[in-house]
Protein backbone atom coordinates (compact mmCIF):
# COMPACT_ATOMS: atom_id res chain seq x y z
CA MET A 1 -36.98 46.70 29.34
CA SER A 2 -34.85 43.40 30.20
CA TYR A 3 -31.84 43.06 28.49
CA ILE A 4 -31.82 40.61 25.55
CA PRO A 5 -28.25 39.17 24.96
CA LEU A 6 -25.75 39.43 21.73
CA ALA A 7 -27.31 36.10 20.31
CA ARG A 8 -30.77 36.84 20.53
CA LYS A 9 -31.17 40.56 19.65
CA TYR A 10 -29.04 40.34 16.56
CA ARG A 11 -30.36 37.10 15.42
CA PRO A 12 -31.30 36.48 11.92
CA GLN A 13 -34.81 37.46 10.74
CA THR A 14 -34.74 36.76 6.76
CA LEU A 15 -32.68 34.33 4.58
CA GLU A 16 -30.38 37.22 3.65
CA GLU A 17 -29.29 37.77 6.93
CA LEU A 18 -28.56 34.28 7.46
CA ILE A 19 -24.39 34.43 7.84
CA GLY A 20 -21.90 32.34 6.01
CA GLN A 21 -25.00 29.79 4.55
CA ALA A 22 -25.27 30.96 1.10
CA HIS A 23 -25.93 27.38 -0.17
CA VAL A 24 -28.80 27.28 2.16
CA THR A 25 -30.65 30.35 1.86
CA ASP A 26 -30.35 30.14 -2.29
CA THR A 27 -31.78 26.79 -2.12
CA LEU A 28 -34.09 27.91 0.42
CA SER A 29 -35.46 31.03 -1.46
CA ARG A 30 -36.09 29.23 -5.10
CA ALA A 31 -37.82 26.54 -3.38
CA ILE A 32 -40.47 28.98 -1.86
CA ALA A 33 -40.22 31.44 -4.97
CA SER A 34 -41.49 28.36 -7.01
CA LYS A 35 -43.66 26.75 -4.36
CA ARG A 36 -41.75 23.83 -4.49
CA ILE A 37 -41.59 22.52 -0.61
CA GLY A 38 -40.70 19.61 0.84
CA GLN A 39 -42.69 18.32 2.95
CA ALA A 40 -40.10 17.74 5.76
CA TYR A 41 -36.37 19.25 6.43
CA LEU A 42 -32.93 18.41 8.34
CA PHE A 43 -30.40 21.24 8.64
CA ALA A 44 -27.26 19.48 10.12
CA GLY A 45 -24.55 21.49 11.38
CA GLN A 46 -22.27 21.97 14.30
CA ARG A 47 -23.63 24.66 16.92
CA GLY A 48 -24.31 28.26 16.58
CA VAL A 49 -24.07 28.52 12.98
CA GLY A 50 -27.73 29.35 12.52
CA LYS A 51 -30.18 25.70 12.19
CA THR A 52 -32.70 26.83 14.23
CA SER A 53 -32.60 30.36 13.60
CA ALA A 54 -32.94 29.42 9.50
CA ALA A 55 -35.90 26.98 10.78
CA ARG A 56 -37.89 30.05 12.46
CA ILE A 57 -37.26 31.98 9.17
CA LEU A 58 -38.26 29.22 7.17
CA ALA A 59 -41.34 28.72 8.94
CA LYS A 60 -41.85 32.81 8.98
CA SER A 61 -41.82 32.57 5.26
CA LEU A 62 -44.04 29.88 5.04
CA ASN A 63 -46.92 31.22 7.06
CA CYS A 64 -46.50 35.10 6.28
CA ALA A 65 -49.77 36.61 5.02
CA LYS A 66 -48.15 37.27 1.72
CA GLY A 67 -46.62 34.28 1.78
CA PRO A 68 -45.21 31.82 0.93
CA THR A 69 -42.47 33.65 0.17
CA PRO A 70 -38.53 34.13 0.39
CA LYS A 71 -39.12 37.68 1.84
CA PRO A 72 -41.43 37.72 4.99
CA CYS A 73 -42.83 41.03 5.66
CA GLN A 74 -42.11 40.84 9.46
CA THR A 75 -45.55 43.29 9.85
CA CYS A 76 -48.32 40.50 9.95
CA THR A 77 -49.53 38.51 12.70
CA SER A 78 -47.16 35.08 12.07
CA CYS A 79 -44.88 36.90 11.21
CA ARG A 80 -44.81 39.03 14.64
CA GLN A 81 -46.01 35.95 16.38
CA ILE A 82 -43.18 34.09 14.92
CA THR A 83 -40.58 36.54 15.57
CA ALA A 84 -41.60 36.73 19.59
CA GLY A 85 -42.29 32.60 19.86
CA LEU A 86 -45.46 32.80 20.67
CA SER A 87 -46.84 31.47 17.10
CA LEU A 88 -49.68 28.90 17.75
CA ASP A 89 -48.93 27.48 14.26
CA VAL A 90 -45.24 26.99 14.92
CA ILE A 91 -44.47 23.99 17.84
CA GLU A 92 -40.84 23.69 19.01
CA VAL A 93 -39.88 20.95 20.42
CA ASP A 94 -36.63 19.77 22.23
CA GLY A 95 -35.81 16.30 21.08
CA ALA A 96 -33.45 15.75 24.14
CA SER A 97 -36.45 15.98 26.55
CA ASN A 98 -39.31 15.22 24.27
CA ARG A 99 -37.33 11.99 23.32
CA GLY A 100 -39.67 9.09 24.21
CA ILE A 101 -42.10 6.96 22.33
CA ASP A 102 -45.07 8.56 24.12
CA GLU A 103 -44.27 12.09 23.63
CA VAL A 104 -43.88 11.16 19.59
CA ARG A 105 -47.69 9.75 19.86
CA ALA A 106 -48.79 13.16 21.65
CA LEU A 107 -47.40 15.18 18.63
CA ARG A 108 -48.95 12.97 16.33
CA GLU A 109 -52.59 13.81 17.72
CA THR A 110 -51.54 17.27 17.37
CA VAL A 111 -50.78 16.81 13.39
CA LYS A 112 -54.05 16.66 12.52
CA TYR A 113 -55.80 19.80 13.71
CA ALA A 114 -55.57 22.72 11.14
CA PRO A 115 -53.66 26.03 11.44
CA SER A 116 -55.07 29.00 13.14
CA HIS A 117 -53.62 31.72 11.57
CA GLY A 118 -50.95 30.72 8.25
CA ALA A 119 -50.93 28.17 6.07
CA PHE A 120 -49.18 25.49 7.56
CA ARG A 121 -48.46 24.02 10.65
CA ILE A 122 -44.93 23.52 11.17
CA TYR A 123 -43.06 21.36 13.73
CA ILE A 124 -39.39 22.44 14.35
CA ILE A 125 -37.60 19.50 16.37
CA ASP A 126 -34.25 20.83 17.90
CA GLU A 127 -31.41 17.81 18.05
CA VAL A 128 -33.70 15.35 16.84
CA HIS A 129 -30.96 12.84 17.07
CA GLN A 130 -31.40 12.53 20.50
CA ILE A 131 -34.80 10.73 19.93
CA THR A 132 -35.08 7.15 20.64
CA HIS A 133 -35.38 4.48 17.66
CA ASP A 134 -38.94 3.69 19.24
CA ALA A 135 -40.18 7.26 18.80
CA PHE A 136 -38.48 7.44 15.17
CA ASN A 137 -40.40 4.48 14.36
CA ALA A 138 -43.67 5.62 15.78
CA LEU A 139 -42.76 9.20 13.64
CA LEU A 140 -42.25 7.45 10.29
CA LYS A 141 -45.44 6.92 8.57
CA THR A 142 -46.37 10.27 9.78
CA LEU A 143 -43.28 11.79 7.93
CA GLU A 144 -43.74 10.16 5.05
CA GLU A 145 -47.69 11.43 4.10
CA PRO A 146 -48.23 14.32 6.23
CA PRO A 147 -51.37 16.45 5.97
CA ALA A 148 -50.88 19.29 3.66
CA HIS A 149 -50.95 21.76 5.91
CA VAL A 150 -47.96 20.26 8.28
CA LYS A 151 -44.19 20.74 7.61
CA PHE A 152 -41.49 18.82 9.43
CA ILE A 153 -38.06 20.93 10.44
CA PHE A 154 -35.54 19.04 12.39
CA ALA A 155 -32.12 20.55 13.36
CA THR A 156 -28.75 18.11 14.44
CA THR A 157 -25.63 18.49 15.27
CA ALA A 158 -24.91 14.56 14.51
CA PRO A 159 -26.71 13.72 11.44
CA HIS A 160 -25.22 10.36 11.09
CA LYS A 161 -27.23 9.58 14.74
CA VAL A 162 -29.87 10.03 12.97
CA PRO A 163 -32.17 6.42 11.44
CA PRO A 164 -31.75 6.18 7.57
CA THR A 165 -35.36 5.68 7.42
CA ILE A 166 -35.74 9.47 8.60
CA LEU A 167 -33.14 11.18 6.27
CA SER A 168 -34.58 9.23 2.92
CA ARG A 169 -37.65 11.36 4.31
CA CYS A 170 -35.91 14.80 4.41
CA GLN A 171 -34.05 17.54 2.47
CA ARG A 172 -31.14 17.46 4.00
CA PHE A 173 -28.70 20.58 4.05
CA ASP A 174 -25.57 20.73 5.91
CA PHE A 175 -24.73 24.18 7.24
CA ARG A 176 -20.94 24.90 7.34
CA ARG A 177 -18.32 26.29 9.41
CA ILE A 178 -18.39 30.08 9.38
CA GLU A 179 -14.68 31.48 8.30
CA VAL A 180 -12.95 33.53 10.91
CA LYS A 181 -12.98 37.08 8.69
CA THR A 182 -17.09 36.81 8.13
CA ILE A 183 -17.29 36.37 11.79
CA VAL A 184 -14.68 39.61 12.58
CA GLU A 185 -17.59 41.08 10.34
CA VAL A 186 -20.42 40.28 11.90
CA LEU A 187 -18.88 41.42 15.15
CA GLN A 188 -17.61 44.55 14.10
CA ARG A 189 -20.97 45.12 13.06
CA MET A 190 -22.37 44.52 16.21
CA VAL A 191 -19.65 46.70 18.38
CA LYS A 192 -20.08 49.86 16.42
CA ALA A 193 -24.20 49.22 17.28
CA GLU A 194 -23.12 48.58 20.39
CA LYS A 195 -21.00 51.54 20.60
CA VAL A 196 -18.03 49.36 22.19
CA ALA A 197 -14.46 50.09 21.35
CA VAL A 198 -12.70 46.92 20.62
CA ASP A 199 -9.28 46.23 19.00
CA GLU A 200 -9.35 44.64 15.65
CA ALA A 201 -6.88 41.77 17.31
CA ALA A 202 -9.18 41.06 19.84
CA LEU A 203 -12.05 40.15 17.46
CA TYR A 204 -10.01 37.97 15.20
CA THR A 205 -8.87 36.51 18.96
CA ILE A 206 -12.36 35.88 19.69
CA ALA A 207 -13.38 34.54 15.93
CA ARG A 208 -10.37 32.02 16.36
CA ALA A 209 -11.67 31.08 19.68
CA ALA A 210 -14.96 30.27 18.48
CA GLU A 211 -14.20 27.78 16.07
CA GLY A 212 -16.64 28.79 13.36
CA SER A 213 -20.16 29.17 15.56
CA LEU A 214 -21.14 32.57 15.08
CA ARG A 215 -23.06 32.61 18.30
CA ASP A 216 -19.77 31.34 20.60
CA ALA A 217 -18.54 34.09 19.43
CA GLU A 218 -20.89 36.79 20.22
CA VAL A 219 -21.10 34.85 23.85
CA ILE A 220 -17.38 36.13 23.98
CA LEU A 221 -17.81 39.37 22.82
CA GLU A 222 -20.80 39.79 24.96
CA GLN A 223 -18.12 38.46 28.11
CA ALA A 224 -15.66 40.19 27.41
CA MET A 225 -17.91 43.39 26.81
CA SER A 226 -18.31 42.97 30.67
CA PHE A 227 -15.00 42.02 31.78
CA CYS A 228 -13.44 45.22 29.96
CA GLU A 229 -14.34 48.79 31.03
CA ALA A 230 -13.69 51.22 28.16
CA ARG A 231 -11.96 49.17 25.33
CA ILE A 232 -11.23 45.75 24.48
CA ARG A 233 -7.77 44.75 24.17
CA GLU A 234 -6.31 41.31 22.72
CA GLU A 235 -4.46 40.92 26.02
CA ASP A 236 -8.23 41.24 27.85
CA VAL A 237 -9.64 38.80 25.40
CA ALA A 238 -6.23 36.12 26.23
CA GLN A 239 -7.07 36.54 29.48
CA LEU A 240 -10.51 35.52 29.36
CA LEU A 241 -9.65 32.93 27.29
CA GLY A 242 -6.70 31.70 28.68
CA GLY A 243 -4.74 31.47 25.75
CA LEU A 244 -1.83 33.70 25.16
CA GLU A 245 -1.68 37.07 22.81
CA GLN A 246 0.45 37.58 19.47
CA ASP A 247 3.18 39.42 21.34
CA VAL A 248 3.71 36.57 23.86
CA LEU A 249 3.65 33.91 21.54
CA PHE A 250 6.25 35.87 18.58
CA GLN A 251 8.46 35.82 21.98
CA TRP A 252 8.16 32.41 22.76
CA ALA A 253 8.63 31.20 19.27
CA GLN A 254 11.50 33.22 18.62
CA ALA A 255 13.52 32.07 21.46
CA VAL A 256 13.04 28.36 20.12
CA LEU A 257 14.10 29.19 16.69
CA ASP A 258 17.40 31.07 18.43
CA ARG A 259 17.84 27.65 20.66
CA ASP A 260 17.44 30.00 23.44
CA ALA A 261 16.11 26.94 26.12
CA SER A 262 16.26 28.97 28.77
CA THR A 263 14.14 32.33 28.08
CA ALA A 264 11.68 29.75 26.50
CA VAL A 265 11.25 28.12 29.84
CA THR A 266 11.04 30.83 31.56
CA LEU A 267 8.17 32.40 29.02
CA LEU A 268 6.44 29.21 29.90
CA THR A 269 6.42 29.38 33.67
CA GLN A 270 5.38 33.24 33.69
CA GLN A 271 2.16 32.21 31.77
CA VAL A 272 1.44 28.59 34.06
CA ASN A 273 2.22 31.36 37.23
CA LEU A 274 -0.78 33.43 35.34
CA GLY A 275 -2.86 30.17 35.61
CA LYS A 276 -2.80 29.33 32.24
CA ASP A 277 -3.58 25.45 30.88
CA VAL A 278 -0.22 24.09 29.60
CA SER A 279 -1.96 22.22 26.93
CA ARG A 280 -3.65 24.92 25.34
CA LEU A 281 -0.04 27.27 25.66
CA LEU A 282 1.17 24.37 23.68
CA ALA A 283 -1.89 24.43 21.11
CA ASP A 284 -1.28 28.05 20.57
CA LEU A 285 2.65 27.60 20.38
CA LEU A 286 1.78 24.78 17.70
CA MET A 287 -0.49 27.30 15.78
CA HIS A 288 2.18 29.87 15.84
CA LEU A 289 4.59 27.52 13.91
CA ARG A 290 1.95 26.16 11.35
CA HIS A 291 1.25 29.63 10.47
CA LEU A 292 5.28 30.12 9.93
CA LEU A 293 5.05 27.12 8.44
CA VAL A 294 2.72 28.19 5.62
CA ALA A 295 4.16 31.56 5.47
CA THR A 296 7.70 29.80 4.50
CA THR A 297 5.76 27.46 2.10
CA LEU A 298 4.25 30.17 -0.08
CA ASN A 299 6.94 31.83 -0.11
CA LYS A 300 7.51 31.69 -3.52
CA ALA A 301 3.89 31.44 -4.58
CA ALA A 302 2.37 33.48 -7.37
CA ASP A 303 -0.56 35.14 -5.76
CA ARG A 304 1.05 34.88 -2.15
CA LYS A 305 -0.74 37.75 -0.07
CA ARG A 306 -3.67 37.01 -1.07
CA LEU A 307 -3.13 33.30 -0.38
CA LEU A 308 -1.64 34.25 2.62
CA ALA A 309 -4.81 36.28 3.67
CA GLN A 310 -6.40 33.34 3.31
CA LEU A 311 -4.77 30.61 5.45
CA ILE A 312 -4.04 32.28 7.79
CA ASP A 313 -6.50 33.95 10.05
CA VAL A 314 -4.82 37.22 11.71
CA PRO A 315 -4.56 41.02 10.94
CA GLU A 316 -2.62 42.04 8.35
CA ASP A 317 -0.11 43.75 11.11
CA ILE A 318 0.21 40.15 12.39
CA LEU A 319 0.97 38.64 9.12
CA ASN A 320 3.66 41.00 8.18
CA ARG A 321 5.25 39.98 11.54
CA LEU A 322 4.58 36.02 10.60
CA GLU A 323 6.13 36.76 7.39
CA ALA A 324 9.55 38.25 9.01
CA GLN A 325 10.00 35.34 11.36
CA ALA A 326 9.52 33.08 8.76
CA ALA A 327 12.20 34.16 6.90
CA ARG A 328 14.93 33.09 9.21
CA THR A 329 14.15 29.46 9.28
CA ASN A 330 12.88 26.64 6.61
CA ALA A 331 9.96 24.24 5.88
CA GLN A 332 12.08 21.19 7.13
CA GLU A 333 13.01 22.70 10.49
CA LEU A 334 9.74 24.04 11.09
CA LEU A 335 7.93 20.33 10.41
CA MET A 336 10.19 18.30 12.56
CA MET A 337 9.41 21.38 15.35
CA MET A 338 5.61 20.77 14.84
CA GLN A 339 5.94 16.64 15.06
CA VAL A 340 7.62 17.05 18.37
CA LEU A 341 5.47 19.22 19.41
CA THR A 342 2.18 17.25 18.62
CA GLY A 343 3.35 14.34 20.65
CA ALA A 344 4.23 16.27 23.58
CA TYR A 345 0.84 17.89 23.51
CA ASP A 346 -0.84 14.65 23.28
CA VAL A 347 1.10 13.45 25.97
CA ALA A 348 0.42 16.85 28.37
CA ARG A 349 -3.19 16.77 27.97
CA ARG A 350 -3.17 13.54 29.53
CA SER A 351 -0.45 13.75 32.10
CA PRO A 352 -0.28 14.65 36.10
CA PHE A 353 3.72 16.54 34.98
CA ALA A 354 2.14 18.63 32.14
CA GLN A 355 4.49 21.22 33.11
CA ALA A 356 7.32 19.00 33.13
CA VAL A 357 6.44 17.38 29.67
CA ALA A 358 5.80 21.41 28.52
CA GLU A 359 9.79 22.01 29.91
CA LEU A 360 11.13 19.01 28.35
CA VAL A 361 10.01 19.28 24.95
CA LEU A 362 11.04 23.23 24.81
CA ILE A 363 14.57 22.24 25.65
CA GLN A 364 14.78 19.50 22.89
CA LEU A 365 13.42 22.20 20.54
CA ALA A 366 16.04 24.82 21.58
CA THR A 367 18.66 22.01 21.27
CA ARG A 368 17.97 20.69 17.78
CA GLU A 369 21.42 21.02 16.30
CA SER A 370 22.57 17.95 16.60
CA TRP A 371 19.65 16.89 14.68
CA VAL A 372 19.59 15.26 11.79
CA SER A 373 16.76 14.50 9.11
CA LEU A 374 16.97 11.55 6.83
CA ASP A 375 16.90 13.05 3.65
CA GLN A 376 20.21 14.66 5.08
CA ALA A 377 21.83 11.43 6.46
CA LEU A 378 20.25 9.58 3.19
CA GLU A 379 22.34 12.49 1.01
CA ARG A 380 25.47 12.16 2.90
CA LEU A 381 25.71 8.67 2.60
CA GLU A 382 25.36 9.17 -1.00
CA GLN A 383 28.11 11.37 -1.48
CA LEU A 384 30.46 9.20 0.71
CA ALA A 385 29.74 6.48 -1.75
CA ARG A 386 29.80 7.98 -4.77
CA THR A 387 33.43 9.53 -3.82
CA LEU A 388 35.39 6.50 -1.96
CA PRO A 389 36.49 3.69 -4.14
CA PRO A 390 36.10 0.43 -2.69
CA SER A 391 38.33 -0.97 -0.04
CA GLU A 392 40.77 -3.82 0.15
CA ASP A 393 38.99 -5.11 2.97
CA GLU A 394 35.73 -5.19 1.50
CA GLU A 395 37.23 -6.91 -1.68
CA ASN A 396 39.01 -9.46 0.61
CA LEU A 397 35.79 -10.23 2.77
CA PRO A 398 34.95 -14.17 2.75
CA PRO A 399 31.86 -14.80 0.86
CA PRO A 400 28.72 -15.06 2.92
CA PRO A 401 27.79 -18.96 3.42
CA ALA A 402 25.75 -20.79 0.51
CA ALA A 403 23.34 -23.34 1.03
CA THR A 404 24.22 -25.48 -2.26
CA ILE A 405 27.05 -26.91 -3.20
CA HIS A 406 29.77 -24.90 -5.56
CA PRO A 407 28.76 -26.29 -8.78
CA ALA A 408 32.52 -26.88 -9.57
CA ALA A 409 31.57 -29.71 -7.04
CA MET A 410 28.99 -31.26 -8.55
CA ALA A 411 30.97 -31.86 -12.09
CA SER A 412 31.56 -35.04 -11.27
CA PRO A 413 28.91 -37.79 -9.85
CA LEU A 414 27.89 -37.23 -6.29
CA PRO A 415 28.99 -39.78 -4.00
CA ALA A 416 26.15 -41.44 -1.81
CA PRO A 417 24.56 -38.27 0.55
CA PRO A 418 25.70 -39.08 4.09
CA PRO A 419 23.31 -40.36 6.61
CA LEU A 420 21.27 -37.86 8.66
CA PRO A 421 18.93 -39.51 10.61
CA PRO A 422 16.21 -39.18 11.28
CA PHE A 423 15.03 -37.44 8.30
CA LEU A 424 16.71 -38.47 4.92
CA LEU A 425 14.68 -39.28 2.69
CA SER A 426 15.97 -41.28 -0.36
CA GLN A 427 13.64 -42.07 -2.68
CA GLU A 428 13.51 -42.10 -6.49
CA SER A 429 10.72 -41.32 -8.86
CA SER A 430 9.18 -43.22 -10.92
CA GLY A 431 9.50 -41.74 -14.57
CA VAL A 432 10.97 -42.83 -17.60
CA ARG A 433 14.64 -43.13 -17.79
CA GLY A 434 15.82 -42.38 -21.63
CA GLN A 435 19.33 -42.56 -22.99
CA ALA A 436 19.63 -38.81 -23.91
CA GLY A 437 22.48 -36.66 -22.43
CA LEU A 438 23.17 -35.75 -19.23
CA VAL A 439 22.10 -32.58 -17.68
CA ALA A 440 24.41 -29.79 -16.24
CA PHE A 441 24.36 -29.31 -12.71
CA GLU A 442 24.52 -25.00 -13.79
CA GLU A 443 21.77 -25.35 -16.35
CA VAL A 444 19.24 -26.78 -13.73
CA ALA A 445 19.94 -24.17 -10.82
CA SER A 446 19.69 -21.18 -13.42
CA ARG A 447 16.13 -22.92 -14.16
CA TRP A 448 15.04 -23.31 -11.11
CA GLU A 449 12.64 -20.59 -11.12
CA ALA A 450 11.20 -21.89 -14.44
CA PHE A 451 10.66 -25.27 -13.11
CA LEU A 452 8.58 -23.94 -9.88
CA GLU A 453 6.51 -21.89 -12.26
CA ARG A 454 5.75 -24.75 -14.55
CA LEU A 455 4.84 -27.05 -11.69
CA GLY A 456 2.84 -24.33 -10.16
CA LYS A 457 0.56 -24.28 -13.41
CA ARG A 458 0.32 -28.17 -12.89
CA LYS A 459 0.00 -28.26 -9.40
CA MET A 460 -0.03 -25.10 -7.08
CA SER A 461 0.78 -26.95 -3.79
CA LEU A 462 3.37 -28.81 -4.75
CA ALA A 463 5.22 -25.92 -6.01
CA SER A 464 4.75 -23.90 -2.71
CA TYR A 465 6.71 -27.04 -1.17
CA LEU A 466 9.30 -26.64 -2.89
CA MET A 467 9.67 -22.75 -2.71
CA ASP A 468 12.41 -23.83 0.01
CA ALA A 469 14.30 -26.14 -2.18
CA LYS A 470 17.40 -26.16 -3.47
CA VAL A 471 19.63 -28.24 -6.08
CA LEU A 472 22.18 -30.25 -4.17
CA GLY A 473 23.59 -31.77 -7.32
CA ILE A 474 23.31 -34.30 -10.30
CA ASP A 475 24.12 -37.79 -10.32
CA GLY A 476 23.65 -38.96 -13.82
CA GLU A 477 20.33 -38.64 -14.35
CA LYS A 478 19.17 -38.36 -11.26
CA ILE A 479 18.81 -34.83 -9.83
CA GLN A 480 19.20 -34.83 -6.03
CA ILE A 481 17.10 -32.14 -4.40
CA GLY A 482 17.48 -30.72 -0.87
CA ILE A 483 13.90 -30.05 1.08
CA PRO A 484 13.68 -28.51 4.74
CA SER A 485 13.45 -31.04 7.70
CA VAL A 486 9.82 -30.68 7.77
CA ALA A 487 7.76 -33.92 8.22
CA LEU A 488 4.52 -32.70 6.38
CA HIS A 489 6.86 -31.31 3.41
CA GLN A 490 8.57 -35.19 3.26
CA GLU A 491 5.66 -36.49 3.29
CA VAL A 492 3.58 -34.58 0.50
CA LEU A 493 6.58 -34.48 -1.80
CA SER A 494 7.17 -38.21 -1.45
CA GLU A 495 3.95 -39.50 -2.59
CA PRO A 496 4.20 -41.53 -5.55
CA GLU A 497 1.59 -39.58 -7.58
CA ASN A 498 3.40 -35.78 -6.79
CA MET A 499 7.10 -37.35 -7.30
CA ARG A 500 5.70 -38.33 -10.69
CA VAL A 501 4.47 -34.98 -11.78
CA ILE A 502 7.34 -33.82 -10.25
CA ALA A 503 9.74 -35.71 -12.68
CA GLY A 504 7.07 -34.84 -15.82
CA VAL A 505 7.83 -31.60 -15.32
CA MET A 506 11.31 -31.68 -14.99
CA SER A 507 11.68 -33.99 -17.61
CA GLU A 508 9.13 -31.82 -19.91
CA LEU A 509 11.29 -28.90 -18.85
CA PHE A 510 15.05 -30.09 -19.79
CA GLY A 511 13.89 -31.90 -23.20
CA ARG A 512 14.98 -35.58 -21.43
CA SER A 513 14.02 -38.62 -19.05
CA LEU A 514 15.16 -37.15 -15.13
CA ALA A 515 14.42 -38.41 -12.22
CA VAL A 516 14.69 -37.50 -8.70
CA THR A 517 15.81 -37.93 -5.39
CA TYR A 518 15.63 -36.19 -1.69
CA ALA A 519 18.01 -35.38 0.75
CA THR A 520 17.59 -33.05 3.87
CA LEU A 521 18.98 -30.42 3.61
CA PRO A 522 21.95 -30.32 6.23
CA ASP A 523 21.75 -26.74 7.22
CA LEU A 524 18.77 -26.20 8.10
CA PRO A 525 17.82 -26.68 12.14
CA SER A 526 18.29 -30.66 13.59
CA PRO A 527 18.34 -32.14 16.97
CA PRO A 528 21.17 -30.71 18.90
CA PRO A 529 23.74 -32.93 20.16
CA ALA A 530 24.59 -34.29 23.24
CA PRO A 531 26.66 -31.28 25.68
CA LYS A 532 29.21 -33.58 26.35
CA ALA A 533 29.85 -34.51 22.07
CA GLU A 534 29.36 -31.16 21.41
CA ALA A 535 32.09 -29.39 24.01
CA ILE A 536 34.23 -32.09 22.79
CA SER A 537 33.89 -31.09 19.46
CA ALA A 538 34.49 -27.85 20.13
CA ALA A 539 37.65 -28.37 22.10
CA ASN A 540 39.14 -30.70 18.88
CA ALA A 541 37.96 -27.98 16.41
CA SER A 542 39.55 -25.23 18.26
CA ALA A 543 42.25 -27.30 18.68
CA SER A 544 43.15 -27.84 15.10
CA ALA A 545 42.07 -24.49 13.92
CA PRO A 546 45.14 -21.64 12.77
CA PRO A 547 44.89 -19.30 15.35
CA ALA A 548 42.53 -16.34 14.67
CA ALA A 549 43.38 -13.15 11.94
CA PRO A 550 42.80 -10.04 13.84
CA ALA A 551 39.69 -8.29 13.16
CA PRO A 552 39.75 -6.04 9.90
CA PRO A 553 39.68 -2.51 9.72
CA MET A 554 36.08 -1.07 9.20
CA PRO A 555 35.45 0.23 5.89
CA PRO A 556 35.38 4.17 5.85
CA ILE A 557 31.48 4.16 4.58
CA VAL A 558 30.66 2.17 7.59
CA GLN A 559 32.67 4.08 10.10
CA GLU A 560 30.48 7.23 8.69
CA ILE A 561 27.23 5.28 9.28
CA VAL A 562 28.47 4.49 12.87
CA ASN A 563 28.98 8.21 13.34
CA LEU A 564 26.03 9.63 12.04
CA PHE A 565 23.95 7.31 13.91
CA ASP A 566 26.22 7.13 16.69
CA ALA A 567 25.23 3.32 16.35
CA THR A 568 27.05 0.04 17.41
CA ILE A 569 28.35 -2.71 15.42
CA VAL A 570 26.56 -6.72 16.16
CA LYS A 571 28.76 -9.28 15.02
CA PRO A 572 26.23 -11.64 13.95
CA GLN A 573 26.51 -14.98 15.45
CA SER A 574 28.20 -17.46 13.06
CA SER A 575 25.88 -20.64 12.28
CA ARG A 576 27.33 -24.11 13.46
CA PRO A 577 28.86 -26.28 10.73
CA ALA A 578 26.40 -28.99 9.62
CA THR A 579 27.49 -32.61 10.65
CA SER A 580 27.37 -35.35 8.67
């Protein structure tokens, strides 16, 4: 008798035997028992989770001599033929090989034929997303109104590639990834039936490598059975898959936690010399640190043991070792290490110097005593700010240059503004002037935001143009406003209608008739003077200026910031004084 692979030998034959898909099997069982059988089904999910097996079981349940029944007898002609793959009533089509419109037209021609033994003629199309758009269109009408004896079962790993018109005509079932512990239980039953000695840690390594696919786990187990002579151990599976066994992972992680860079780099070199892939090694170390982080995070959880067993897929003895190692570190340190390691893994996957990248990151992780987290830095700065009194140097620092004129200088009427060619605007609003009392500069400056808000309700565009404007002073009933030296601003604001609106809003706000004049802000960029004149002006200014005072000492809090972040103070360039 020819050898039968494990995936075929232990393939489930009933809905009850389907592993890890209770939400699918329960629904199908109830639908079959109540005779509510759909015309088309779509089974979606990753590889190796039971989609094709479920399709064959459903076909067997529908065509069983005692059916339709959720528990086929396995002994009638239809059941035996479907199990052996010889049934004329169950047509399996590979969507990747038969994806054209001609194949779909040929399929449509066979739909009209009645089944030979069972009650239904069932079409199972695997990887249905590979079918072309035209072929899907050719199938639409048949799928929407098939003959009473025809059922369609589609299986796909990419349901998002199936057209919505097809999805809307199918009952969709999403198959889930199978948990590691469930895969381990299934593998334990298989090795017991095959009479093979396997360590539990080896089964966990196989289950994790399968990434939720039971068929992949069965293939890896079968390969390990051929690789090992007597007993399948964890190091054998790790060598077979190119990963790391748990003992090496614990040693490697401990070297990083102990800041032992030489040991960490040596272990990396040893594994690389054994033919291990660098990116795979970094991924294993990253997953180990993830386990430590979970164990540290759940340190004070009420149901700690159950949560750890649920979140970390390792045997119990390995879980105890993880808890012991996690007690020697903290969550914040592990988070920073994982962030660095994640970036290194992404670089190593694409770099021709992957080993050098891994060595660099290991040395960086092992010399992390100089790292300072942002929270620690902020906490130290806050403590320093609370303990230090205001320094005399900070109190004696000159105030920053203001764009507006000091209010004290505005108490008296302003002289005529100096000429600022070619940008000076000196236009007066046409608002009505009354004999009301004068408005103080402080009042206008303090209510400028309220004026802009009220102007925005009247005409939003004018308020936006005045957002960068400043109140320069008051001369009787005239309010002088400095505006940027932008031609568009000056053109729009100088229009008579706009000036009337601005004057009207200003008069309403202050309860008296006011006029508005404009002047270009002197502190905004203007055309540079000729080089010769600039040099002469600078020379005169330096000759008349008093000797420069020595630089004031650095305040303690600034010195602490410089030391903490290894920073350099860059002095801002002094602004060029406005010329009149």
